């Protein structure tokens, strides 16, 4: 890929990446505070979206395995699936919180601090990973494979951590639903 084409492709997507990276957390935060009146709480969603996080973690690991084996087409399909799973998680998470009160963690002692550490890092990294996922994806679809590989080495562990800790947070808080 020529340097001029690379710069044009980067500029073409950079504004969209910045807008989405800022807009998604803001919209989620706003919707998190909105309660839809006279709607049945969607209390069945937490185990579903926790499972989606678990599946996302497995898909991410399998996608890395596939690219290491040289199966680029399978890797690409798996990564698109991981993005779809993450968007599905987010939609369900927001829907749950728009119809249900937040559940308070009831653990005490050291486990409380562990839970809040995992929760806080999960939330912060779920925001931080957004531009990484978008940049990594754009570099793949624009066939900027060397830059894609470099950022994917950062994106993968961040995204995997977010997916796994989402499951852990659910398991830790599930007795208090």
C-alpha atoms as a PDB file:
ATOM      1  CA  UNK A   1       0.000   0.000   0.000  1.00  0.00           C
ATOM      2  CA  UNK A   2       1.367   3.406  -0.914  1.00  0.00           C
ATOM      3  CA  UNK A   3       1.932   5.942   1.836  1.00  0.00           C
ATOM      4  CA  UNK A   4      -0.482   8.410   0.160  1.00  0.00           C
ATOM      5  CA  UNK A   5      -3.259   5.785   0.013  1.00  0.00           C
ATOM      6  CA  UNK A   6      -2.550   4.824   3.631  1.00  0.00           C
ATOM      7  CA  UNK A   7      -2.851   8.468   4.764  1.00  0.00           C
ATOM      8  CA  UNK A   8      -6.099   8.937   2.803  1.00  0.00           C
ATOM      9  CA  UNK A   9      -7.572   5.743   4.298  1.00  0.00           C
ATOM     10  CA  UNK A  10      -6.531   6.788   7.814  1.00  0.00           C
ATOM     11  CA  UNK A  11      -8.029  10.264   7.446  1.00  0.00           C
ATOM     12  CA  UNK A  12     -11.196   8.815   5.919  1.00  0.00           C
ATOM     13  CA  UNK A  13     -11.882   6.711   9.003  1.00  0.00           C
ATOM     14  CA  UNK A  14     -10.211   8.682  11.805  1.00  0.00           C
ATOM     15  CA  UNK A  15     -13.080  11.149  12.282  1.00  0.00           C
ATOM     16  CA  UNK A  16     -15.600   8.303  12.453  1.00  0.00           C
ATOM     17  CA  UNK A  17     -13.427   6.420  14.942  1.00  0.00           C
ATOM     18  CA  UNK A  18     -13.107   9.492  17.171  1.00  0.00           C
ATOM     19  CA  UNK A  19     -16.846  10.245  16.984  1.00  0.00           C
ATOM     20  CA  UNK A  20     -17.833   6.650  17.817  1.00  0.00           C
ATOM     21  CA  UNK A  21     -15.194   6.353  20.555  1.00  0.00           C
ATOM     22  CA  UNK A  22     -16.616   9.427  22.289  1.00  0.00           C
ATOM     23  CA  UNK A  23     -20.282   8.992  21.417  1.00  0.00           C
ATOM     24  CA  UNK A  24     -20.718   5.339  22.455  1.00  0.00           C
ATOM     25  CA  UNK A  25     -19.675   5.801  26.118  1.00  0.00           C
ATOM     26  CA  UNK A  26     -21.656   9.060  26.386  1.00  0.00           C
ATOM     27  CA  UNK A  27     -24.823   7.545  24.935  1.00  0.00           C
ATOM     28  CA  UNK A  28     -24.456   4.454  27.139  1.00  0.00           C
ATOM     29  CA  UNK A  29     -23.961   6.645  30.235  1.00  0.00           C
ATOM     30  CA  UNK A  30     -27.025   8.738  29.362  1.00  0.00           C
ATOM     31  CA  UNK A  31     -29.195   5.706  28.606  1.00  0.00           C
ATOM     32  CA  UNK A  32     -27.953   4.013  31.785  1.00  0.00           C
ATOM     33  CA  UNK A  33     -29.672   6.804  33.733  1.00  0.00           C
ATOM     34  CA  UNK A  34     -32.919   6.645  31.749  1.00  0.00           C
ATOM     35  CA  UNK A  35     -35.680   4.461  33.161  1.00  0.00           C
ATOM     36  CA  UNK A  36     -38.532   3.492  30.867  1.00  0.00           C
ATOM     37  CA  UNK A  37     -41.764   3.763  32.893  1.00  0.00           C
ATOM     38  CA  UNK A  38     -44.448   1.081  32.871  1.00  0.00           C
ATOM     39  CA  UNK A  39     -42.219  -1.515  31.242  1.00  0.00           C
ATOM     40  CA  UNK A  40     -41.656  -4.977  32.618  1.00  0.00           C
ATOM     41  CA  UNK A  41     -38.048  -5.208  33.920  1.00  0.00           C
ATOM     42  CA  UNK A  42     -35.836  -7.265  31.609  1.00  0.00           C
ATOM     43  CA  UNK A  43     -34.414  -9.269  34.499  1.00  0.00           C
ATOM     44  CA  UNK A  44     -33.742 -12.270  32.261  1.00  0.00           C
ATOM     45  CA  UNK A  45     -30.985 -10.407  30.364  1.00  0.00           C
ATOM     46  CA  UNK A  46     -27.941 -10.487  32.711  1.00  0.00           C
ATOM     47  CA  UNK A  47     -27.173 -14.202  32.282  1.00  0.00           C
ATOM     48  CA  UNK A  48     -27.666 -13.818  28.524  1.00  0.00           C
ATOM     49  CA  UNK A  49     -25.320 -10.877  28.130  1.00  0.00           C
ATOM     50  CA  UNK A  50     -22.807 -12.458  30.518  1.00  0.00           C
ATOM     51  CA  UNK A  51     -22.890 -15.547  28.292  1.00  0.00           C
ATOM     52  CA  UNK A  52     -22.359 -13.327  25.266  1.00  0.00           C
ATOM     53  CA  UNK A  53     -19.236 -11.957  26.977  1.00  0.00           C
ATOM     54  CA  UNK A  54     -18.030 -15.514  27.522  1.00  0.00           C
ATOM     55  CA  UNK A  55     -18.669 -16.439  23.893  1.00  0.00           C
ATOM     56  CA  UNK A  56     -16.885 -13.252  22.807  1.00  0.00           C
ATOM     57  CA  UNK A  57     -13.794 -14.289  24.785  1.00  0.00           C
ATOM     58  CA  UNK A  58     -13.832 -17.730  23.142  1.00  0.00           C
ATOM     59  CA  UNK A  59     -14.339 -16.231  19.668  1.00  0.00           C
ATOM     60  CA  UNK A  60     -11.437 -13.818  20.198  1.00  0.00           C
ATOM     61  CA  UNK A  61      -9.115 -16.633  21.265  1.00  0.00           C
ATOM     62  CA  UNK A  62     -10.206 -18.835  18.361  1.00  0.00           C
ATOM     63  CA  UNK A  63      -9.737 -15.929  15.926  1.00  0.00           C
ATOM     64  CA  UNK A  64      -6.146 -15.437  17.104  1.00  0.00           C
ATOM     65  CA  UNK A  65      -5.551 -19.172  16.785  1.00  0.00           C
ATOM     66  CA  UNK A  66      -6.907 -19.096  13.228  1.00  0.00           C
ATOM     67  CA  UNK A  67      -4.724 -16.197  12.088  1.00  0.00           C
ATOM     68  CA  UNK A  68      -1.658 -17.855  13.602  1.00  0.00           C
ATOM     69  CA  UNK A  69      -2.510 -20.922  11.478  1.00  0.00           C
ATOM     70  CA  UNK A  70      -2.771 -18.664   8.418  1.00  0.00           C
ATOM     71  CA  UNK A  71      -6.557 -18.927   8.091  1.00  0.00           C
ATOM     72  CA  UNK A  72      -7.194 -15.279   7.264  1.00  0.00           C
ATOM     73  CA  UNK A  73     -10.756 -15.722   5.970  1.00  0.00           C
ATOM     74  CA  UNK A  74     -11.835 -17.596   9.106  1.00  0.00           C
ATOM     75  CA  UNK A  75     -10.073 -15.032  11.293  1.00  0.00           C
ATOM     76  CA  UNK A  76     -11.916 -12.212   9.532  1.00  0.00           C
ATOM     77  CA  UNK A  77     -15.318 -13.899   9.980  1.00  0.00           C
ATOM     78  CA  UNK A  78     -14.625 -14.589  13.652  1.00  0.00           C
ATOM     79  CA  UNK A  79     -13.567 -11.001  14.301  1.00  0.00           C
ATOM     80  CA  UNK A  80     -16.706  -9.655  12.647  1.00  0.00           C
ATOM     81  CA  UNK A  81     -18.703 -12.071  14.813  1.00  0.00           C
ATOM     82  CA  UNK A  82     -16.879 -10.806  17.924  1.00  0.00           C
ATOM     83  CA  UNK A  83     -17.852  -7.242  17.033  1.00  0.00           C
ATOM     84  CA  UNK A  84     -21.482  -8.300  16.524  1.00  0.00           C
ATOM     85  CA  UNK A  85     -21.416 -10.084  19.890  1.00  0.00           C
ATOM     86  CA  UNK A  86     -20.014  -7.001  21.619  1.00  0.00           C
ATOM     87  CA  UNK A  87     -22.637  -4.726  20.069  1.00  0.00           C
ATOM     88  CA  UNK A  88     -25.342  -7.242  21.083  1.00  0.00           C
ATOM     89  CA  UNK A  89     -23.989  -7.283  24.624  1.00  0.00           C
ATOM     90  CA  UNK A  90     -24.078  -3.498  24.776  1.00  0.00           C
ATOM     91  CA  UNK A  91     -27.659  -3.301  23.487  1.00  0.00           C
ATOM     92  CA  UNK A  92     -28.866  -5.858  26.053  1.00  0.00           C
ATOM     93  CA  UNK A  93     -26.884  -4.247  28.867  1.00  0.00           C
ATOM     94  CA  UNK A  94     -28.427  -0.843  28.137  1.00  0.00           C
ATOM     95  CA  UNK A  95     -31.922  -2.352  27.759  1.00  0.00           C
ATOM     96  CA  UNK A  96     -31.569  -4.100  31.114  1.00  0.00           C
ATOM     97  CA  UNK A  97     -30.476  -0.938  32.901  1.00  0.00           C
ATOM     98  CA  UNK A  98     -33.231   1.120  31.256  1.00  0.00           C
ATOM     99  CA  UNK A  99     -35.859  -1.237  32.694  1.00  0.00           C
ATOM    100  CA  UNK A 100     -34.322  -2.474  35.928  1.00  0.00           C
ATOM    101  CA  UNK A 101     -32.664  -1.040  39.007  1.00  0.00           C
ATOM    102  CA  UNK A 102     -28.956  -1.720  39.373  1.00  0.00           C
ATOM    103  CA  UNK A 103     -28.075  -4.617  41.621  1.00  0.00           C
ATOM    104  CA  UNK A 104     -25.856  -3.818  44.594  1.00  0.00           C
ATOM    105  CA  UNK A 105     -22.964  -6.129  45.390  1.00  0.00           C
ATOM    106  CA  UNK A 106     -23.602  -7.681  48.793  1.00  0.00           C
ATOM    107  CA  UNK A 107     -20.219  -9.198  49.518  1.00  0.00           C
ATOM    108  CA  UNK A 108     -18.115  -7.961  52.416  1.00  0.00           C
ATOM    109  CA  UNK A 109     -14.469  -7.930  53.351  1.00  0.00           C
ATOM    110  CA  UNK A 110     -11.706  -8.592  50.823  1.00  0.00           C
ATOM    111  CA  UNK A 111     -14.100  -9.976  48.198  1.00  0.00           C
ATOM    112  CA  UNK A 112     -15.841  -6.584  48.048  1.00  0.00           C
ATOM    113  CA  UNK A 113     -12.561  -4.863  47.122  1.00  0.00           C
ATOM    114  CA  UNK A 114     -11.739  -7.560  44.587  1.00  0.00           C
ATOM    115  CA  UNK A 115     -15.202  -7.209  43.022  1.00  0.00           C
ATOM    116  CA  UNK A 116     -14.971  -3.420  42.758  1.00  0.00           C
ATOM    117  CA  UNK A 117     -11.429  -3.612  41.349  1.00  0.00           C
ATOM    118  CA  UNK A 118     -12.579  -6.047  38.663  1.00  0.00           C
ATOM    119  CA  UNK A 119     -15.721  -3.988  37.981  1.00  0.00           C
ATOM    120  CA  UNK A 120     -13.831  -0.690  37.754  1.00  0.00           C
ATOM    121  CA  UNK A 121     -11.115  -2.068  35.455  1.00  0.00           C
ATOM    122  CA  UNK A 122     -13.793  -3.785  33.354  1.00  0.00           C
ATOM    123  CA  UNK A 123     -15.729  -0.536  32.901  1.00  0.00           C
ATOM    124  CA  UNK A 124     -12.659   1.627  32.217  1.00  0.00           C
ATOM    125  CA  UNK A 125     -11.150  -0.819  29.758  1.00  0.00           C
ATOM    126  CA  UNK A 126     -14.512  -1.329  28.027  1.00  0.00           C
ATOM    127  CA  UNK A 127     -14.388   2.378  27.181  1.00  0.00           C
ATOM    128  CA  UNK A 128     -10.682   2.400  26.302  1.00  0.00           C
ATOM    129  CA  UNK A 129     -10.972  -0.636  24.022  1.00  0.00           C
ATOM    130  CA  UNK A 130     -13.542   0.998  21.707  1.00  0.00           C
ATOM    131  CA  UNK A 131     -11.080   3.044  19.631  1.00  0.00           C
ATOM    132  CA  UNK A 132      -8.608   0.150  19.647  1.00  0.00           C
ATOM    133  CA  UNK A 133     -11.200  -2.220  18.176  1.00  0.00           C
ATOM    134  CA  UNK A 134     -12.266   0.348  15.594  1.00  0.00           C
ATOM    135  CA  UNK A 135      -8.713   1.211  14.546  1.00  0.00           C
ATOM    136  CA  UNK A 136      -7.744  -2.461  14.386  1.00  0.00           C
ATOM    137  CA  UNK A 137     -10.803  -3.222  12.256  1.00  0.00           C
ATOM    138  CA  UNK A 138     -10.185  -0.284   9.903  1.00  0.00           C
ATOM    139  CA  UNK A 139      -6.573  -1.295   9.412  1.00  0.00           C
ATOM    140  CA  UNK A 140      -7.764  -4.776   8.472  1.00  0.00           C
ATOM    141  CA  UNK A 141     -10.446  -3.658   6.012  1.00  0.00           C
ATOM    142  CA  UNK A 142      -8.052  -1.165   4.381  1.00  0.00           C
ATOM    143  CA  UNK A 143      -5.514  -3.986   4.055  1.00  0.00           C
ATOM    144  CA  UNK A 144      -2.954  -2.174   6.185  1.00  0.00           C
ATOM    145  CA  UNK A 145      -1.874  -5.505   7.625  1.00  0.00           C
ATOM    146  CA  UNK A 146       1.414  -4.508   9.291  1.00  0.00           C
ATOM    147  CA  UNK A 147      -0.239  -1.675  11.232  1.00  0.00           C
ATOM    148  CA  UNK A 148      -3.206  -3.990  11.901  1.00  0.00           C
ATOM    149  CA  UNK A 149      -0.907  -6.579  13.468  1.00  0.00           C
ATOM    150  CA  UNK A 150       0.831  -3.980  15.639  1.00  0.00           C
ATOM    151  CA  UNK A 151      -2.358  -2.563  17.133  1.00  0.00           C
ATOM    152  CA  UNK A 152      -4.047  -5.974  17.342  1.00  0.00           C
ATOM    153  CA  UNK A 153      -1.333  -7.006  19.800  1.00  0.00           C
ATOM    154  CA  UNK A 154      -2.724  -4.324  22.128  1.00  0.00           C
ATOM    155  CA  UNK A 155      -6.409  -4.655  21.215  1.00  0.00           C
ATOM    156  CA  UNK A 156      -6.631  -8.413  21.737  1.00  0.00           C
ATOM    157  CA  UNK A 157      -5.598  -8.551  25.420  1.00  0.00           C
ATOM    158  CA  UNK A 158      -7.689  -5.468  26.264  1.00  0.00           C
ATOM    159  CA  UNK A 159     -10.793  -6.867  24.571  1.00  0.00           C
ATOM    160  CA  UNK A 160     -10.226 -10.334  26.017  1.00  0.00           C
ATOM    161  CA  UNK A 161      -9.871  -8.857  29.525  1.00  0.00           C
ATOM    162  CA  UNK A 162     -13.127  -6.921  29.108  1.00  0.00           C
ATOM    163  CA  UNK A 163     -14.971 -10.021  27.885  1.00  0.00           C
ATOM    164  CA  UNK A 164     -13.655 -12.289  30.649  1.00  0.00           C
ATOM    165  CA  UNK A 165     -14.145  -9.770  33.448  1.00  0.00           C
ATOM    166  CA  UNK A 166     -17.710  -9.215  32.240  1.00  0.00           C
ATOM    167  CA  UNK A 167     -18.387 -12.863  33.021  1.00  0.00           C
ATOM    168  CA  UNK A 168     -16.565 -12.642  36.361  1.00  0.00           C
ATOM    169  CA  UNK A 169     -18.533  -9.543  37.396  1.00  0.00           C
ATOM    170  CA  UNK A 170     -21.785 -11.345  36.564  1.00  0.00           C
ATOM    171  CA  UNK A 171     -20.789 -14.461  38.508  1.00  0.00           C
ATOM    172  CA  UNK A 172     -19.775 -12.374  41.521  1.00  0.00           C
ATOM    173  CA  UNK A 173     -22.966 -10.274  41.579  1.00  0.00           C
ATOM    174  CA  UNK A 174     -25.457 -12.961  40.474  1.00  0.00           C
ATOM    175  CA  UNK A 175     -26.287 -14.108  44.058  1.00  0.00           C
ATOM    176  CA  UNK A 176     -27.572 -10.583  44.735  1.00  0.00           C
ATOM    177  CA  UNK A 177     -30.037 -10.316  41.834  1.00  0.00           C
END
